[in-house]
Amino acid sequence: RELLKRSMTDQDRFSTWMISCMTQLMEASRSTYQAFDETFRGSFPAVFERCARQRITEASTFIAQQQPDP
């Protein structure tokens, strides 16, 4: 466990802390949630869907062609 703590970067520590805080807030408010393997849906799915649609419409559809190996 100590090796894991020493190998974590500041970004890792911040991400872990943020997830922990968000989990505590969601549990305290009795919100529901699912893993990100499907579509995240909390207690307010309409709000999330609206944000998701907005991001998708602004996403770039450009796909770079693969370059052949020399």
N, C-alpha and C. Protein backbone atom coordinates (compact mmCIF):
# COMPACT_ATOMS: atom_id res chain seq x y z
N ARG A 1 0.83 -1.20 0.00
CA ARG A 1 0.00 0.00 0.00
C ARG A 1 0.87 1.26 0.00
N GLU A 2 1.95 1.24 0.73
CA GLU A 2 2.86 2.39 0.75
C GLU A 2 3.48 2.63 -0.63
N LEU A 3 3.83 1.55 -1.32
CA LEU A 3 4.39 1.68 -2.66
C LEU A 3 3.38 2.36 -3.59
N LEU A 4 2.13 1.98 -3.46
CA LEU A 4 1.08 2.60 -4.28
C LEU A 4 0.97 4.09 -3.98
N LYS A 5 1.00 4.45 -2.71
CA LYS A 5 0.92 5.87 -2.34
C LYS A 5 2.10 6.66 -2.90
N ARG A 6 3.29 6.07 -2.84
CA ARG A 6 4.47 6.77 -3.34
C ARG A 6 4.46 6.92 -4.85
N SER A 7 3.85 5.97 -5.55
CA SER A 7 3.87 6.00 -7.02
C SER A 7 2.76 6.88 -7.60
N MET A 8 1.82 7.31 -6.79
CA MET A 8 0.73 8.15 -7.28
C MET A 8 1.22 9.57 -7.55
N THR A 9 0.76 10.13 -8.64
CA THR A 9 1.08 11.52 -8.96
C THR A 9 0.06 12.44 -8.28
N ASP A 10 0.32 13.73 -8.34
CA ASP A 10 -0.64 14.69 -7.79
C ASP A 10 -1.98 14.58 -8.51
N GLN A 11 -1.94 14.35 -9.82
CA GLN A 11 -3.18 14.21 -10.59
C GLN A 11 -3.96 12.99 -10.11
N ASP A 12 -3.26 11.89 -9.87
CA ASP A 12 -3.92 10.68 -9.37
C ASP A 12 -4.57 10.95 -8.01
N ARG A 13 -3.84 11.62 -7.14
CA ARG A 13 -4.37 11.90 -5.80
C ARG A 13 -5.59 12.82 -5.88
N PHE A 14 -5.52 13.82 -6.75
CA PHE A 14 -6.65 14.74 -6.90
C PHE A 14 -7.87 14.00 -7.46
N SER A 15 -7.66 13.17 -8.48
CA SER A 15 -8.77 12.42 -9.08
C SER A 15 -9.41 11.49 -8.05
N THR A 16 -8.59 10.80 -7.28
CA THR A 16 -9.10 9.90 -6.25
C THR A 16 -9.90 10.67 -5.21
N TRP A 17 -9.38 11.82 -4.79
CA TRP A 17 -10.07 12.65 -3.80
C TRP A 17 -11.40 13.15 -4.36
N MET A 18 -11.40 13.62 -5.61
CA MET A 18 -12.61 14.16 -6.22
C MET A 18 -13.68 13.07 -6.34
N ILE A 19 -13.30 11.89 -6.78
CA ILE A 19 -14.26 10.79 -6.91
C ILE A 19 -14.83 10.42 -5.55
N SER A 20 -13.97 10.40 -4.55
CA SER A 20 -14.42 10.08 -3.19
C SER A 20 -15.43 11.11 -2.70
N CYS A 21 -15.15 12.39 -2.92
CA CYS A 21 -16.08 13.45 -2.50
C CYS A 21 -17.40 13.36 -3.25
N MET A 22 -17.34 13.12 -4.55
CA MET A 22 -18.57 13.02 -5.34
C MET A 22 -19.40 11.83 -4.91
N THR A 23 -18.73 10.72 -4.61
CA THR A 23 -19.44 9.53 -4.14
C THR A 23 -20.14 9.80 -2.82
N GLN A 24 -19.45 10.46 -1.90
CA GLN A 24 -20.05 10.80 -0.61
C GLN A 24 -21.26 11.72 -0.79
N LEU A 25 -21.15 12.70 -1.67
CA LEU A 25 -22.27 13.61 -1.92
C LEU A 25 -23.47 12.89 -2.51
N MET A 26 -23.21 12.00 -3.47
CA MET A 26 -24.30 11.26 -4.10
C MET A 26 -24.97 10.33 -3.11
N GLU A 27 -24.16 9.67 -2.27
CA GLU A 27 -24.74 8.78 -1.26
C GLU A 27 -25.54 9.57 -0.22
N ALA A 28 -25.04 10.73 0.18
CA ALA A 28 -25.74 11.56 1.17
C ALA A 28 -27.07 12.07 0.63
N SER A 29 -27.12 12.36 -0.68
CA SER A 29 -28.37 12.86 -1.27
C SER A 29 -29.23 11.72 -1.81
N ARG A 30 -28.76 10.49 -1.62
CA ARG A 30 -29.46 9.28 -2.08
C ARG A 30 -29.69 9.29 -3.58
N SER A 31 -28.74 9.86 -4.31
CA SER A 31 -28.80 9.85 -5.77
C SER A 31 -28.42 8.46 -6.27
N THR A 32 -28.89 8.13 -7.45
CA THR A 32 -28.53 6.85 -8.05
C THR A 32 -27.58 7.09 -9.21
N TYR A 33 -26.78 6.10 -9.51
CA TYR A 33 -25.84 6.22 -10.62
C TYR A 33 -25.46 4.85 -11.12
N GLN A 34 -24.92 4.81 -12.35
CA GLN A 34 -24.44 3.57 -12.95
C GLN A 34 -23.02 3.80 -13.42
N ALA A 35 -22.34 2.71 -13.73
CA ALA A 35 -20.97 2.79 -14.24
C ALA A 35 -20.98 3.43 -15.63
N PHE A 36 -19.82 3.88 -16.08
CA PHE A 36 -19.71 4.55 -17.37
C PHE A 36 -19.63 3.59 -18.55
N ASP A 37 -19.76 2.28 -18.32
CA ASP A 37 -19.68 1.35 -19.45
C ASP A 37 -20.89 1.50 -20.36
N GLU A 38 -21.97 1.98 -19.86
CA GLU A 38 -23.15 2.28 -20.67
C GLU A 38 -23.25 3.80 -20.73
N THR A 39 -24.38 4.33 -20.42
CA THR A 39 -24.57 5.78 -20.34
C THR A 39 -24.79 6.13 -18.89
N PHE A 40 -24.04 7.10 -18.40
CA PHE A 40 -24.21 7.52 -17.00
C PHE A 40 -25.59 8.12 -16.82
N ARG A 41 -26.29 7.64 -15.83
CA ARG A 41 -27.62 8.17 -15.54
C ARG A 41 -27.76 8.33 -14.04
N GLY A 42 -27.84 9.56 -13.60
CA GLY A 42 -28.05 9.83 -12.19
C GLY A 42 -29.53 10.00 -11.91
N SER A 43 -29.84 10.69 -10.86
CA SER A 43 -31.24 10.92 -10.51
C SER A 43 -31.89 11.92 -11.45
N PHE A 44 -31.09 12.65 -12.22
CA PHE A 44 -31.60 13.67 -13.13
C PHE A 44 -31.13 13.38 -14.55
N PRO A 45 -31.61 12.28 -15.17
CA PRO A 45 -31.10 11.89 -16.49
C PRO A 45 -31.37 12.91 -17.58
N ALA A 46 -32.47 13.66 -17.50
CA ALA A 46 -32.78 14.63 -18.55
C ALA A 46 -31.71 15.71 -18.63
N VAL A 47 -31.20 16.14 -17.50
CA VAL A 47 -30.15 17.15 -17.49
C VAL A 47 -28.90 16.60 -18.15
N PHE A 48 -28.53 15.37 -17.81
CA PHE A 48 -27.34 14.77 -18.40
C PHE A 48 -27.52 14.56 -19.90
N GLU A 49 -28.68 14.07 -20.32
CA GLU A 49 -28.91 13.84 -21.74
C GLU A 49 -28.80 15.14 -22.53
N ARG A 50 -29.31 16.22 -21.99
CA ARG A 50 -29.22 17.50 -22.68
C ARG A 50 -27.75 17.89 -22.86
N CYS A 51 -26.95 17.72 -21.83
CA CYS A 51 -25.52 18.04 -21.94
C CYS A 51 -24.83 17.11 -22.93
N ALA A 52 -25.18 15.83 -22.91
CA ALA A 52 -24.53 14.87 -23.80
C ALA A 52 -24.84 15.21 -25.25
N ARG A 53 -26.09 15.54 -25.55
CA ARG A 53 -26.44 15.89 -26.92
C ARG A 53 -25.68 17.12 -27.38
N GLN A 54 -25.56 18.09 -26.52
CA GLN A 54 -24.87 19.32 -26.88
C GLN A 54 -23.41 19.03 -27.20
N ARG A 55 -22.75 18.19 -26.44
CA ARG A 55 -21.35 17.87 -26.68
C ARG A 55 -21.19 17.07 -27.97
N ILE A 56 -22.12 16.18 -28.25
CA ILE A 56 -22.02 15.35 -29.45
C ILE A 56 -22.15 16.22 -30.70
N THR A 57 -23.06 17.18 -30.71
CA THR A 57 -23.24 18.01 -31.90
C THR A 57 -22.04 18.90 -32.16
N GLU A 58 -21.28 19.21 -31.11
CA GLU A 58 -20.10 20.05 -31.29
C GLU A 58 -18.83 19.24 -31.53
N ALA A 59 -18.95 17.92 -31.48
CA ALA A 59 -17.77 17.07 -31.62
C ALA A 59 -17.28 17.08 -33.07
N SER A 60 -16.01 16.94 -33.23
CA SER A 60 -15.42 16.87 -34.56
C SER A 60 -15.67 15.49 -35.15
N THR A 61 -16.05 15.45 -36.43
CA THR A 61 -16.28 14.17 -37.09
C THR A 61 -15.12 13.81 -38.00
N PHE A 62 -14.05 14.59 -37.98
CA PHE A 62 -12.89 14.35 -38.82
C PHE A 62 -12.15 13.11 -38.34
N ILE A 63 -11.87 12.19 -39.26
CA ILE A 63 -11.10 10.99 -38.93
C ILE A 63 -9.86 10.99 -39.82
N ALA A 64 -8.71 11.03 -39.21
CA ALA A 64 -7.46 11.04 -39.97
C ALA A 64 -7.22 9.66 -40.57
N GLN A 65 -6.75 9.65 -41.81
CA GLN A 65 -6.42 8.38 -42.45
C GLN A 65 -5.11 7.87 -41.89
N GLN A 66 -5.03 6.55 -41.77
CA GLN A 66 -3.80 5.95 -41.28
C GLN A 66 -2.71 6.06 -42.34
N GLN A 67 -1.51 6.36 -41.90
CA GLN A 67 -0.37 6.41 -42.79
C GLN A 67 0.28 5.03 -42.84
N PRO A 68 0.64 4.56 -44.03
CA PRO A 68 1.29 3.23 -44.10
C PRO A 68 2.66 3.28 -43.45
N ASP A 69 3.04 2.15 -42.85
CA ASP A 69 4.38 2.05 -42.26
C ASP A 69 5.42 2.05 -43.38
N PRO A 70 6.54 2.77 -43.19
CA PRO A 70 7.57 2.80 -44.24
C PRO A 70 8.29 1.48 -44.41
